[in-house]
Amino acid sequence: MTSTAQSEPTVLPEQAAGFEVATVSADTLRAGIRVVGTLDATTTPLLAGILRTHTVAGRRYLRVDLRAATLDDAATIDPAVVRTLAAAHAAVDALGGMLVLENATPLVLAAARAAGCYARAAD
């Protein structure tokens, strides 16, 4: 039988200059991920890598907190960000799961929804 008990939060960060992606909680089915810094073509590989690590491990419910994430330009979103979200969505969808983006800006909300992700606005 597979355990779904929530583990103690463990921060496993991946960092680039001014950017961090950290797994703050995980169990056999779910992971909570925090993003801090600017999302763009140079930083999305870190986000993609963490998301891929979780899907390869069989975690099909990924919750990504974007409260501390920013965009280079408040009026546009880098296509690499959209591709990363779409790929993560497809990966968890193939596992029967869901990618949830929390605390997203209106621009990220629109891009995420266009990519098929479930997203909620910042408080």
PDB file of N, CA and C in Angstrom:
ATOM      1  N   MET A   1       0.838  -1.177   0.000  1.00  0.00           N
ATOM      2  CA  MET A   1       0.000   0.000   0.000  1.00  0.00           C
ATOM      3  C   MET A   1       0.887   1.246   0.000  1.00  0.00           C
ATOM      4  N   THR A   2       0.521   2.238  -0.758  1.00  0.00           N
ATOM      5  CA  THR A   2       1.315   3.454  -0.879  1.00  0.00           C
ATOM      6  C   THR A   2       0.913   4.437   0.207  1.00  0.00           C
ATOM      7  N   SER A   3       1.883   4.994   0.885  1.00  0.00           N
ATOM      8  CA  SER A   3       1.624   5.973   1.938  1.00  0.00           C
ATOM      9  C   SER A   3       1.438   7.348   1.321  1.00  0.00           C
ATOM     10  N   THR A   4       0.455   8.075   1.845  1.00  0.00           N
ATOM     11  CA  THR A   4       0.266   9.458   1.403  1.00  0.00           C
ATOM     12  C   THR A   4       0.397  10.421   2.571  1.00  0.00           C
ATOM     13  N   ALA A   5       0.963   9.967   3.667  1.00  0.00           N
ATOM     14  CA  ALA A   5       1.138  10.823   4.828  1.00  0.00           C
ATOM     15  C   ALA A   5       2.043  11.999   4.476  1.00  0.00           C
ATOM     16  N   GLN A   6       1.672  13.160   4.967  1.00  0.00           N
ATOM     17  CA  GLN A   6       2.448  14.368   4.705  1.00  0.00           C
ATOM     18  C   GLN A   6       3.761  14.294   5.464  1.00  0.00           C
ATOM     19  N   SER A   7       4.856  14.523   4.781  1.00  0.00           N
ATOM     20  CA  SER A   7       6.149  14.529   5.443  1.00  0.00           C
ATOM     21  C   SER A   7       6.409  15.907   6.033  1.00  0.00           C
ATOM     22  N   GLU A   8       7.371  15.967   6.925  1.00  0.00           N
ATOM     23  CA  GLU A   8       7.786  17.252   7.463  1.00  0.00           C
ATOM     24  C   GLU A   8       8.325  18.094   6.307  1.00  0.00           C
ATOM     25  N   PRO A   9       8.014  19.407   6.278  1.00  0.00           N
ATOM     26  CA  PRO A   9       8.536  20.239   5.201  1.00  0.00           C
ATOM     27  C   PRO A   9      10.052  20.184   5.142  1.00  0.00           C
ATOM     28  N   THR A  10      10.551  19.918   3.967  1.00  0.00           N
ATOM     29  CA  THR A  10      11.984  19.876   3.724  1.00  0.00           C
ATOM     30  C   THR A  10      12.273  20.801   2.564  1.00  0.00           C
ATOM     31  N   VAL A  11      13.103  21.769   2.778  1.00  0.00           N
ATOM     32  CA  VAL A  11      13.421  22.709   1.715  1.00  0.00           C
ATOM     33  C   VAL A  11      14.616  22.173   0.944  1.00  0.00           C
ATOM     34  N   LEU A  12      14.388  21.900  -0.326  1.00  0.00           N
ATOM     35  CA  LEU A  12      15.445  21.429  -1.215  1.00  0.00           C
ATOM     36  C   LEU A  12      15.574  22.457  -2.335  1.00  0.00           C
ATOM     37  N   PRO A  13      16.391  23.478  -2.140  1.00  0.00           N
ATOM     38  CA  PRO A  13      16.439  24.552  -3.120  1.00  0.00           C
ATOM     39  C   PRO A  13      17.362  24.295  -4.299  1.00  0.00           C
ATOM     40  N   GLU A  14      16.982  24.847  -5.411  1.00  0.00           N
ATOM     41  CA  GLU A  14      17.828  24.954  -6.595  1.00  0.00           C
ATOM     42  C   GLU A  14      17.928  26.455  -6.845  1.00  0.00           C
ATOM     43  N   GLN A  15      19.138  26.955  -7.025  1.00  0.00           N
ATOM     44  CA  GLN A  15      19.310  28.392  -7.114  1.00  0.00           C
ATOM     45  C   GLN A  15      20.108  28.832  -8.330  1.00  0.00           C
ATOM     46  N   ALA A  16      19.762  30.031  -8.784  1.00  0.00           N
ATOM     47  CA  ALA A  16      20.541  30.774  -9.766  1.00  0.00           C
ATOM     48  C   ALA A  16      20.553  32.200  -9.221  1.00  0.00           C
ATOM     49  N   ALA A  17      21.335  33.062  -9.782  1.00  0.00           N
ATOM     50  CA  ALA A  17      21.441  34.431  -9.275  1.00  0.00           C
ATOM     51  C   ALA A  17      20.064  35.069  -9.109  1.00  0.00           C
ATOM     52  N   GLY A  18      19.680  35.307  -7.868  1.00  0.00           N
ATOM     53  CA  GLY A  18      18.414  35.970  -7.588  1.00  0.00           C
ATOM     54  C   GLY A  18      17.180  35.120  -7.815  1.00  0.00           C
ATOM     55  N   PHE A  19      17.335  33.817  -8.006  1.00  0.00           N
ATOM     56  CA  PHE A  19      16.195  32.941  -8.296  1.00  0.00           C
ATOM     57  C   PHE A  19      16.342  31.654  -7.510  1.00  0.00           C
ATOM     58  N   GLU A  20      15.233  31.190  -6.942  1.00  0.00           N
ATOM     59  CA  GLU A  20      15.259  29.945  -6.186  1.00  0.00           C
ATOM     60  C   GLU A  20      13.950  29.183  -6.387  1.00  0.00           C
ATOM     61  N   VAL A  21      14.085  27.889  -6.557  1.00  0.00           N
ATOM     62  CA  VAL A  21      12.943  26.980  -6.589  1.00  0.00           C
ATOM     63  C   VAL A  21      13.193  25.983  -5.473  1.00  0.00           C
ATOM     64  N   ALA A  22      12.245  25.857  -4.545  1.00  0.00           N
ATOM     65  CA  ALA A  22      12.452  24.962  -3.411  1.00  0.00           C
ATOM     66  C   ALA A  22      11.248  24.055  -3.210  1.00  0.00           C
ATOM     67  N   THR A  23      11.513  22.789  -2.960  1.00  0.00           N
ATOM     68  CA  THR A  23      10.472  21.858  -2.554  1.00  0.00           C
ATOM     69  C   THR A  23      10.301  22.051  -1.058  1.00  0.00           C
ATOM     70  N   VAL A  24       9.114  22.469  -0.638  1.00  0.00           N
ATOM     71  CA  VAL A  24       8.879  22.752   0.776  1.00  0.00           C
ATOM     72  C   VAL A  24       8.099  21.638   1.465  1.00  0.00           C
ATOM     73  N   SER A  25       7.467  20.770   0.682  1.00  0.00           N
ATOM     74  CA  SER A  25       6.788  19.602   1.241  1.00  0.00           C
ATOM     75  C   SER A  25       6.646  18.561   0.142  1.00  0.00           C
ATOM     76  N   ALA A  26       6.636  17.302   0.550  1.00  0.00           N
ATOM     77  CA  ALA A  26       6.458  16.235  -0.433  1.00  0.00           C
ATOM     78  C   ALA A  26       6.082  14.952   0.283  1.00  0.00           C
ATOM     79  N   ASP A  27       5.257  14.169  -0.376  1.00  0.00           N
ATOM     80  CA  ASP A  27       4.984  12.806   0.046  1.00  0.00           C
ATOM     81  C   ASP A  27       4.980  11.955  -1.219  1.00  0.00           C
ATOM     82  N   THR A  28       4.406  10.787  -1.182  1.00  0.00           N
ATOM     83  CA  THR A  28       4.486   9.910  -2.347  1.00  0.00           C
ATOM     84  C   THR A  28       3.660  10.399  -3.530  1.00  0.00           C
ATOM     85  N   LEU A  29       2.634  11.213  -3.281  1.00  0.00           N
ATOM     86  CA  LEU A  29       1.761  11.668  -4.361  1.00  0.00           C
ATOM     87  C   LEU A  29       1.839  13.161  -4.652  1.00  0.00           C
ATOM     88  N   ARG A  30       2.268  13.946  -3.662  1.00  0.00           N
ATOM     89  CA  ARG A  30       2.177  15.400  -3.781  1.00  0.00           C
ATOM     90  C   ARG A  30       3.504  16.077  -3.480  1.00  0.00           C
ATOM     91  N   ALA A  31       3.626  17.300  -4.014  1.00  0.00           N
ATOM     92  CA  ALA A  31       4.768  18.146  -3.665  1.00  0.00           C
ATOM     93  C   ALA A  31       4.321  19.595  -3.649  1.00  0.00           C
ATOM     94  N   GLY A  32       4.851  20.340  -2.701  1.00  0.00           N
ATOM     95  CA  GLY A  32       4.652  21.778  -2.630  1.00  0.00           C
ATOM     96  C   GLY A  32       5.963  22.448  -2.985  1.00  0.00           C
ATOM     97  N   ILE A  33       5.897  23.392  -3.907  1.00  0.00           N
ATOM     98  CA  ILE A  33       7.102  24.026  -4.452  1.00  0.00           C
ATOM     99  C   ILE A  33       6.952  25.534  -4.333  1.00  0.00           C
ATOM    100  N   ARG A  34       8.020  26.205  -3.912  1.00  0.00           N
ATOM    101  CA  ARG A  34       8.010  27.665  -3.792  1.00  0.00           C
ATOM    102  C   ARG A  34       8.993  28.240  -4.807  1.00  0.00           C
ATOM    103  N   VAL A  35       8.568  29.296  -5.501  1.00  0.00           N
ATOM    104  CA  VAL A  35       9.412  29.975  -6.483  1.00  0.00           C
ATOM    105  C   VAL A  35       9.661  31.402  -6.000  1.00  0.00           C
ATOM    106  N   VAL A  36      10.934  31.800  -5.978  1.00  0.00           N
ATOM    107  CA  VAL A  36      11.320  33.141  -5.554  1.00  0.00           C
ATOM    108  C   VAL A  36      12.219  33.739  -6.629  1.00  0.00           C
ATOM    109  N   GLY A  37      11.846  34.914  -7.141  1.00  0.00           N
ATOM    110  CA  GLY A  37      12.683  35.592  -8.127  1.00  0.00           C
ATOM    111  C   GLY A  37      12.010  35.694  -9.481  1.00  0.00           C
ATOM    112  N   THR A  38      12.780  36.095 -10.470  1.00  0.00           N
ATOM    113  CA  THR A  38      12.258  36.378 -11.800  1.00  0.00           C
ATOM    114  C   THR A  38      12.165  35.123 -12.657  1.00  0.00           C
ATOM    115  N   LEU A  39      10.966  34.865 -13.175  1.00  0.00           N
ATOM    116  CA  LEU A  39      10.734  33.762 -14.114  1.00  0.00           C
ATOM    117  C   LEU A  39      11.014  34.263 -15.524  1.00  0.00           C
ATOM    118  N   ASP A  40      11.985  33.651 -16.176  1.00  0.00           N
ATOM    119  CA  ASP A  40      12.297  34.005 -17.562  1.00  0.00           C
ATOM    120  C   ASP A  40      13.006  32.817 -18.212  1.00  0.00           C
ATOM    121  N   ALA A  41      13.496  33.002 -19.416  1.00  0.00           N
ATOM    122  CA  ALA A  41      14.133  31.907 -20.152  1.00  0.00           C
ATOM    123  C   ALA A  41      15.378  31.372 -19.454  1.00  0.00           C
ATOM    124  N   THR A  42      16.063  32.194 -18.670  1.00  0.00           N
ATOM    125  CA  THR A  42      17.280  31.730 -18.008  1.00  0.00           C
ATOM    126  C   THR A  42      16.986  30.981 -16.714  1.00  0.00           C
ATOM    127  N   THR A  43      15.832  31.211 -16.105  1.00  0.00           N
ATOM    128  CA  THR A  43      15.531  30.572 -14.814  1.00  0.00           C
ATOM    129  C   THR A  43      14.546  29.409 -14.922  1.00  0.00           C
ATOM    130  N   THR A  44      13.771  29.360 -15.990  1.00  0.00           N
ATOM    131  CA  THR A  44      12.788  28.272 -16.095  1.00  0.00           C
ATOM    132  C   THR A  44      13.410  26.878 -16.140  1.00  0.00           C
ATOM    133  N   PRO A  45      14.656  26.683 -16.606  1.00  0.00           N
ATOM    134  CA  PRO A  45      15.214  25.330 -16.523  1.00  0.00           C
ATOM    135  C   PRO A  45      15.285  24.794 -15.079  1.00  0.00           C
ATOM    136  N   LEU A  46      15.541  25.667 -14.113  1.00  0.00           N
ATOM    137  CA  LEU A  46      15.535  25.228 -12.715  1.00  0.00           C
ATOM    138  C   LEU A  46      14.141  24.774 -12.293  1.00  0.00           C
ATOM    139  N   LEU A  47      13.139  25.578 -12.639  1.00  0.00           N
ATOM    140  CA  LEU A  47      11.760  25.208 -12.316  1.00  0.00           C
ATOM    141  C   LEU A  47      11.384  23.916 -13.021  1.00  0.00           C
ATOM    142  N   ALA A  48      11.706  23.816 -14.301  1.00  0.00           N
ATOM    143  CA  ALA A  48      11.383  22.609 -15.067  1.00  0.00           C
ATOM    144  C   ALA A  48      12.049  21.386 -14.465  1.00  0.00           C
ATOM    145  N   GLY A  49      13.293  21.522 -14.027  1.00  0.00           N
ATOM    146  CA  GLY A  49      14.015  20.400 -13.440  1.00  0.00           C
ATOM    147  C   GLY A  49      13.368  19.898 -12.159  1.00  0.00           C
ATOM    148  N   ILE A  50      12.966  20.814 -11.297  1.00  0.00           N
ATOM    149  CA  ILE A  50      12.304  20.421 -10.046  1.00  0.00           C
ATOM    150  C   ILE A  50      10.960  19.755 -10.349  1.00  0.00           C
ATOM    151  N   LEU A  51      10.184  20.344 -11.251  1.00  0.00           N
ATOM    152  CA  LEU A  51       8.888  19.755 -11.601  1.00  0.00           C
ATOM    153  C   LEU A  51       9.073  18.361 -12.201  1.00  0.00           C
ATOM    154  N   ARG A  52      10.048  18.212 -13.068  1.00  0.00           N
ATOM    155  CA  ARG A  52      10.329  16.918 -13.697  1.00  0.00           C
ATOM    156  C   ARG A  52      10.776  15.883 -12.651  1.00  0.00           C
ATOM    157  N   THR A  53      11.603  16.298 -11.704  1.00  0.00           N
ATOM    158  CA  THR A  53      12.046  15.400 -10.631  1.00  0.00           C
ATOM    159  C   THR A  53      10.841  14.826  -9.884  1.00  0.00           C
ATOM    160  N   HIS A  54       9.878  15.672  -9.603  1.00  0.00           N
ATOM    161  CA  HIS A  54       8.696  15.206  -8.869  1.00  0.00           C
ATOM    162  C   HIS A  54       7.822  14.280  -9.714  1.00  0.00           C
ATOM    163  N   THR A  55       7.643  14.596 -10.984  1.00  0.00           N
ATOM    164  CA  THR A  55       6.805  13.715 -11.810  1.00  0.00           C
ATOM    165  C   THR A  55       7.487  12.381 -12.058  1.00  0.00           C
ATOM    166  N   VAL A  56       8.793  12.382 -12.235  1.00  0.00           N
ATOM    167  CA  VAL A  56       9.526  11.125 -12.410  1.00  0.00           C
ATOM    168  C   VAL A  56       9.404  10.265 -11.149  1.00  0.00           C
ATOM    169  N   ALA A  57       9.335  10.917  -9.992  1.00  0.00           N
ATOM    170  CA  ALA A  57       9.179  10.202  -8.722  1.00  0.00           C
ATOM    171  C   ALA A  57       7.739   9.726  -8.508  1.00  0.00           C
ATOM    172  N   GLY A  58       6.851  10.074  -9.449  1.00  0.00           N
ATOM    173  CA  GLY A  58       5.460   9.630  -9.356  1.00  0.00           C
ATOM    174  C   GLY A  58       4.536  10.590  -8.639  1.00  0.00           C
ATOM    175  N   ARG A  59       5.039  11.746  -8.276  1.00  0.00           N
ATOM    176  CA  ARG A  59       4.175  12.740  -7.628  1.00  0.00           C
ATOM    177  C   ARG A  59       3.322  13.394  -8.709  1.00  0.00           C
ATOM    178  N   ARG A  60       2.023  13.221  -8.567  1.00  0.00           N
ATOM    179  CA  ARG A  60       1.139  13.706  -9.627  1.00  0.00           C
ATOM    180  C   ARG A  60       0.327  14.928  -9.243  1.00  0.00           C
ATOM    181  N   TYR A  61       0.462  15.390  -8.023  1.00  0.00           N
ATOM    182  CA  TYR A  61      -0.220  16.612  -7.582  1.00  0.00           C
ATOM    183  C   TYR A  61       0.847  17.608  -7.153  1.00  0.00           C
ATOM    184  N   LEU A  62       1.089  18.584  -8.012  1.00  0.00           N
ATOM    185  CA  LEU A  62       2.126  19.573  -7.754  1.00  0.00           C
ATOM    186  C   LEU A  62       1.484  20.930  -7.524  1.00  0.00           C
ATOM    187  N   ARG A  63       1.829  21.547  -6.402  1.00  0.00           N
ATOM    188  CA  ARG A  63       1.318  22.872  -6.048  1.00  0.00           C
ATOM    189  C   ARG A  63       2.510  23.823  -6.029  1.00  0.00           C
ATOM    190  N   VAL A  64       2.471  24.833  -6.890  1.00  0.00           N
ATOM    191  CA  VAL A  64       3.589  25.773  -7.024  1.00  0.00           C
ATOM    192  C   VAL A  64       3.141  27.142  -6.533  1.00  0.00           C
ATOM    193  N   ASP A  65       3.805  27.630  -5.482  1.00  0.00           N
ATOM    194  CA  ASP A  65       3.493  28.939  -4.914  1.00  0.00           C
ATOM    195  C   ASP A  65       4.342  29.991  -5.622  1.00  0.00           C
ATOM    196  N   LEU A  66       3.662  30.912  -6.304  1.00  0.00           N
ATOM    197  CA  LEU A  66       4.343  31.952  -7.081  1.00  0.00           C
ATOM    198  C   LEU A  66       4.291  33.321  -6.397  1.00  0.00           C
ATOM    199  N   ARG A  67       3.942  33.345  -5.111  1.00  0.00           N
ATOM    200  CA  ARG A  67       3.799  34.620  -4.397  1.00  0.00           C
ATOM    201  C   ARG A  67       5.046  35.498  -4.532  1.00  0.00           C
ATOM    202  N   ALA A  68       6.220  34.902  -4.478  1.00  0.00           N
ATOM    203  CA  ALA A  68       7.467  35.671  -4.525  1.00  0.00           C
ATOM    204  C   ALA A  68       8.116  35.651  -5.914  1.00  0.00           C
ATOM    205  N   ALA A  69       7.379  35.179  -6.913  1.00  0.00           N
ATOM    206  CA  ALA A  69       7.910  35.154  -8.282  1.00  0.00           C
ATOM    207  C   ALA A  69       7.533  36.438  -9.009  1.00  0.00           C
ATOM    208  N   THR A  70       8.418  36.869  -9.887  1.00  0.00           N
ATOM    209  CA  THR A  70       8.172  38.067 -10.684  1.00  0.00           C
ATOM    210  C   THR A  70       8.468  37.755 -12.145  1.00  0.00           C
ATOM    211  N   LEU A  71       8.105  38.682 -13.015  1.00  0.00           N
ATOM    212  CA  LEU A  71       8.406  38.581 -14.437  1.00  0.00           C
ATOM    213  C   LEU A  71       9.336  39.722 -14.810  1.00  0.00           C
ATOM    214  N   ASP A  72      10.163  39.510 -15.838  1.00  0.00           N
ATOM    215  CA  ASP A  72      11.048  40.573 -16.325  1.00  0.00           C
ATOM    216  C   ASP A  72      10.262  41.812 -16.720  1.00  0.00           C
ATOM    217  N   ASP A  73       9.151  41.581 -17.353  1.00  0.00           N
ATOM    218  CA  ASP A  73       8.325  42.660 -17.887  1.00  0.00           C
ATOM    219  C   ASP A  73       6.901  42.389 -17.435  1.00  0.00           C
ATOM    220  N   ALA A  74       6.316  43.325 -16.735  1.00  0.00           N
ATOM    221  CA  ALA A  74       4.967  43.131 -16.204  1.00  0.00           C
ATOM    222  C   ALA A  74       3.914  42.987 -17.306  1.00  0.00           C
ATOM    223  N   ALA A  75       4.265  43.348 -18.539  1.00  0.00           N
ATOM    224  CA  ALA A  75       3.291  43.307 -19.630  1.00  0.00           C
ATOM    225  C   ALA A  75       3.389  42.054 -20.496  1.00  0.00           C
ATOM    226  N   THR A  76       4.482  41.294 -20.375  1.00  0.00           N
ATOM    227  CA  THR A  76       4.640  40.095 -21.203  1.00  0.00           C
ATOM    228  C   THR A  76       5.182  38.948 -20.363  1.00  0.00           C
ATOM    229  N   ILE A  77       4.990  37.749 -20.861  1.00  0.00           N
ATOM    230  CA  ILE A  77       5.544  36.570 -20.194  1.00  0.00           C
ATOM    231  C   ILE A  77       6.432  35.854 -21.205  1.00  0.00           C
ATOM    232  N   ASP A  78       7.598  35.446 -20.765  1.00  0.00           N
ATOM    233  CA  ASP A  78       8.556  34.772 -21.640  1.00  0.00           C
ATOM    234  C   ASP A  78       7.948  33.463 -22.136  1.00  0.00           C
ATOM    235  N   PRO A  79       8.018  33.176 -23.429  1.00  0.00           N
ATOM    236  CA  PRO A  79       7.477  31.914 -23.960  1.00  0.00           C
ATOM    237  C   PRO A  79       8.070  30.674 -23.279  1.00  0.00           C
ATOM    238  N   ALA A  80       9.302  30.767 -22.785  1.00  0.00           N
ATOM    239  CA  ALA A  80       9.910  29.625 -22.084  1.00  0.00           C
ATOM    240  C   ALA A  80       9.134  29.282 -20.816  1.00  0.00           C
ATOM    241  N   VAL A  81       8.590  30.291 -20.157  1.00  0.00           N
ATOM    242  CA  VAL A  81       7.784  30.057 -18.955  1.00  0.00           C
ATOM    243  C   VAL A  81       6.518  29.296 -19.336  1.00  0.00           C
ATOM    244  N   VAL A  82       5.872  29.726 -20.399  1.00  0.00           N
ATOM    245  CA  VAL A  82       4.650  29.064 -20.855  1.00  0.00           C
ATOM    246  C   VAL A  82       4.937  27.614 -21.255  1.00  0.00           C
ATOM    247  N   ARG A  83       6.030  27.400 -21.994  1.00  0.00           N
ATOM    248  CA  ARG A  83       6.401  26.029 -22.390  1.00  0.00           C
ATOM    249  C   ARG A  83       6.674  25.148 -21.174  1.00  0.00           C
ATOM    250  N   THR A  84       7.336  25.704 -20.162  1.00  0.00           N
ATOM    251  CA  THR A  84       7.628  24.947 -18.941  1.00  0.00           C
ATOM    252  C   THR A  84       6.344  24.558 -18.228  1.00  0.00           C
ATOM    253  N   LEU A  85       5.410  25.498 -18.110  1.00  0.00           N
ATOM    254  CA  LEU A  85       4.139  25.205 -17.448  1.00  0.00           C
ATOM    255  C   LEU A  85       3.337  24.177 -18.238  1.00  0.00           C
ATOM    256  N   ALA A  86       3.324  24.315 -19.552  1.00  0.00           N
ATOM    257  CA  ALA A  86       2.577  23.375 -20.393  1.00  0.00           C
ATOM    258  C   ALA A  86       3.170  21.964 -20.289  1.00  0.00           C
ATOM    259  N   ALA A  87       4.494  21.849 -20.282  1.00  0.00           N
ATOM    260  CA  ALA A  87       5.134  20.534 -20.178  1.00  0.00           C
ATOM    261  C   ALA A  87       4.855  19.897 -18.820  1.00  0.00           C
ATOM    262  N   ALA A  88       4.923  20.688 -17.764  1.00  0.00           N
ATOM    263  CA  ALA A  88       4.636  20.159 -16.422  1.00  0.00           C
ATOM    264  C   ALA A  88       3.181  19.730 -16.314  1.00  0.00           C
ATOM    265  N   HIS A  89       2.303  20.539 -16.871  1.00  0.00           N
ATOM    266  CA  HIS A  89       0.886  20.182 -16.872  1.00  0.00           C
ATOM    267  C   HIS A  89       0.664  18.861 -17.605  1.00  0.00           C
ATOM    268  N   ALA A  90       1.264  18.710 -18.775  1.00  0.00           N
ATOM    269  CA  ALA A  90       1.109  17.473 -19.550  1.00  0.00           C
ATOM    270  C   ALA A  90       1.649  16.269 -18.782  1.00  0.00           C
ATOM    271  N   ALA A  91       2.772  16.450 -18.074  1.00  0.00           N
ATOM    272  CA  ALA A  91       3.382  15.347 -17.323  1.00  0.00           C
ATOM    273  C   ALA A  91       2.484  14.885 -16.180  1.00  0.00           C
ATOM    274  N   VAL A  92       1.952  15.827 -15.412  1.00  0.00           N
ATOM    275  CA  VAL A  92       1.095  15.411 -14.292  1.00  0.00           C
ATOM    276  C   VAL A  92      -0.262  14.925 -14.787  1.00  0.00           C
ATOM    277  N   ASP A  93      -0.739  15.496 -15.877  1.00  0.00           N
ATOM    278  CA  ASP A  93      -1.996  15.041 -16.459  1.00  0.00           C
ATOM    279  C   ASP A  93      -1.874  13.591 -16.923  1.00  0.00           C
ATOM    280  N   ALA A  94      -0.732  13.241 -17.490  1.00  0.00           N
ATOM    281  CA  ALA A  94      -0.497  11.859 -17.936  1.00  0.00           C
ATOM    282  C   ALA A  94      -0.485  10.890 -16.756  1.00  0.00           C
ATOM    283  N   LEU A  95      -0.158  11.390 -15.566  1.00  0.00           N
ATOM    284  CA  LEU A  95      -0.165  10.570 -14.356  1.00  0.00           C
ATOM    285  C   LEU A  95      -1.536  10.583 -13.669  1.00  0.00           C
ATOM    286  N   GLY A  96      -2.485  11.325 -14.239  1.00  0.00           N
ATOM    287  CA  GLY A  96      -3.810  11.441 -13.628  1.00  0.00           C
ATOM    288  C   GLY A  96      -3.855  12.486 -12.530  1.00  0.00           C
ATOM    289  N   GLY A  97      -2.924  13.420 -12.552  1.00  0.00           N
ATOM    290  CA  GLY A  97      -2.836  14.418 -11.496  1.00  0.00           C
ATOM    291  C   GLY A  97      -3.142  15.822 -11.966  1.00  0.00           C
ATOM    292  N   MET A  98      -2.607  16.795 -11.218  1.00  0.00           N
ATOM    293  CA  MET A  98      -2.897  18.192 -11.500  1.00  0.00           C
ATOM    294  C   MET A  98      -1.737  19.077 -11.072  1.00  0.00           C
ATOM    295  N   LEU A  99      -1.470  20.093 -11.878  1.00  0.00           N
ATOM    296  CA  LEU A  99      -0.518  21.143 -11.543  1.00  0.00           C
ATOM    297  C   LEU A  99      -1.336  22.355 -11.122  1.00  0.00           C
ATOM    298  N   VAL A 100      -1.097  22.849  -9.918  1.00  0.00           N
ATOM    299  CA  VAL A 100      -1.815  24.020  -9.402  1.00  0.00           C
ATOM    300  C   VAL A 100      -0.805  25.126  -9.162  1.00  0.00           C
ATOM    301  N   LEU A 101      -1.069  26.278  -9.735  1.00  0.00           N
ATOM    302  CA  LEU A 101      -0.234  27.455  -9.520  1.00  0.00           C
ATOM    303  C   LEU A 101      -0.986  28.385  -8.580  1.00  0.00           C
ATOM    304  N   GLU A 102      -0.379  28.710  -7.464  1.00  0.00           N
ATOM    305  CA  GLU A 102      -1.014  29.581  -6.478  1.00  0.00           C
ATOM    306  C   GLU A 102      -0.352  30.946  -6.457  1.00  0.00           C
ATOM    307  N   ASN A 103      -1.159  31.956  -6.114  1.00  0.00           N
ATOM    308  CA  ASN A 103      -0.658  33.323  -5.958  1.00  0.00           C
ATOM    309  C   ASN A 103      -0.032  33.855  -7.233  1.00  0.00           C
ATOM    310  N   ALA A 104      -0.652  33.558  -8.349  1.00  0.00           N
ATOM    311  CA  ALA A 104      -0.137  33.982  -9.654  1.00  0.00           C
ATOM    312  C   ALA A 104      -0.607  35.398  -9.987  1.00  0.00           C
ATOM    313  N   THR A 105       0.235  36.121 -10.704  1.00  0.00           N
ATOM    314  CA  THR A 105      -0.141  37.446 -11.196  1.00  0.00           C
ATOM    315  C   THR A 105      -1.163  37.262 -12.318  1.00  0.00           C
ATOM    316  N   PRO A 106      -1.910  38.317 -12.674  1.00  0.00           N
ATOM    317  CA  PRO A 106      -2.884  38.189 -13.764  1.00  0.00           C
ATOM    318  C   PRO A 106      -2.263  37.684 -15.069  1.00  0.00           C
ATOM    319  N   LEU A 107      -1.056  38.116 -15.390  1.00  0.00           N
ATOM    320  CA  LEU A 107      -0.401  37.670 -16.620  1.00  0.00           C
ATOM    321  C   LEU A 107      -0.058  36.181 -16.545  1.00  0.00           C
ATOM    322  N   VAL A 108       0.476  35.737 -15.414  1.00  0.00           N
ATOM    323  CA  VAL A 108       0.788  34.315 -15.243  1.00  0.00           C
ATOM    324  C   VAL A 108      -0.498  33.497 -15.228  1.00  0.00           C
ATOM    325  N   LEU A 109      -1.545  34.038 -14.611  1.00  0.00           N
ATOM    326  CA  LEU A 109      -2.845  33.345 -14.626  1.00  0.00           C
ATOM    327  C   LEU A 109      -3.298  33.067 -16.049  1.00  0.00           C
ATOM    328  N   ALA A 110      -3.260  34.088 -16.883  1.00  0.00           N
ATOM    329  CA  ALA A 110      -3.711  33.942 -18.273  1.00  0.00           C
ATOM    330  C   ALA A 110      -2.847  32.933 -19.023  1.00  0.00           C
ATOM    331  N   ALA A 111      -1.535  33.020 -18.851  1.00  0.00           N
ATOM    332  CA  ALA A 111      -0.636  32.091 -19.541  1.00  0.00           C
ATOM    333  C   ALA A 111      -0.827  30.671 -19.042  1.00  0.00           C
ATOM    334  N   ALA A 112      -0.969  30.517 -17.736  1.00  0.00           N
ATOM    335  CA  ALA A 112      -1.149  29.185 -17.156  1.00  0.00           C
ATOM    336  C   ALA A 112      -2.451  28.560 -17.639  1.00  0.00           C
ATOM    337  N   ARG A 113      -3.484  29.323 -17.624  1.00  0.00           N
ATOM    338  CA  ARG A 113      -4.778  28.803 -18.072  1.00  0.00           C
ATOM    339  C   ARG A 113      -4.749  28.452 -19.555  1.00  0.00           C
ATOM    340  N   ALA A 114      -4.030  29.240 -20.348  1.00  0.00           N
ATOM    341  CA  ALA A 114      -3.889  28.934 -21.771  1.00  0.00           C
ATOM    342  C   ALA A 114      -3.117  27.638 -21.961  1.00  0.00           C
ATOM    343  N   ALA A 115      -2.211  27.339 -21.016  1.00  0.00           N
ATOM    344  CA  ALA A 115      -1.427  26.103 -21.080  1.00  0.00           C
ATOM    345  C   ALA A 115      -2.192  24.923 -20.482  1.00  0.00           C
ATOM    346  N   GLY A 116      -3.395  25.176 -19.955  1.00  0.00           N
ATOM    347  CA  GLY A 116      -4.210  24.109 -19.392  1.00  0.00           C
ATOM    348  C   GLY A 116      -4.022  23.882 -17.914  1.00  0.00           C
ATOM    349  N   CYS A 117      -3.261  24.741 -17.246  1.00  0.00           N
ATOM    350  CA  CYS A 117      -3.014  24.591 -15.817  1.00  0.00           C
ATOM    351  C   CYS A 117      -4.138  25.223 -15.005  1.00  0.00           C
ATOM    352  N   TYR A 118      -4.289  24.741 -13.786  1.00  0.00           N
ATOM    353  CA  TYR A 118      -5.197  25.381 -12.851  1.00  0.00           C
ATOM    354  C   TYR A 118      -4.385  26.417 -12.096  1.00  0.00           C
ATOM    355  N   ALA A 119      -4.863  27.644 -12.053  1.00  0.00           N
ATOM    356  CA  ALA A 119      -4.128  28.719 -11.381  1.00  0.00           C
ATOM    357  C   ALA A 119      -5.076  29.569 -10.577  1.00  0.00           C
ATOM    358  N   ARG A 120      -4.550  30.055  -9.435  1.00  0.00           N
ATOM    359  CA  ARG A 120      -5.328  30.944  -8.581  1.00  0.00           C
ATOM    360  C   ARG A 120      -4.566  32.239  -8.412  1.00  0.00           C
ATOM    361  N   ALA A 121      -5.321  33.332  -8.362  1.00  0.00           N
ATOM    362  CA  ALA A 121      -4.731  34.663  -8.253  1.00  0.00           C
ATOM    363  C   ALA A 121      -4.097  34.871  -6.890  1.00  0.00           C
ATOM    364  N   ALA A 122      -3.194  35.826  -6.859  1.00  0.00           N
ATOM    365  CA  ALA A 122      -2.595  36.239  -5.586  1.00  0.00           C
ATOM    366  C   ALA A 122      -3.670  36.840  -4.716  1.00  0.00           C
ATOM    367  N   ASP A 123      -3.494  36.668  -3.406  1.00  0.00           N
ATOM    368  CA  ASP A 123      -4.462  37.217  -2.430  1.00  0.00           C
ATOM    369  C   ASP A 123      -4.509  38.708  -2.483  1.00  0.00           C
TER     370      ASP A 123
END
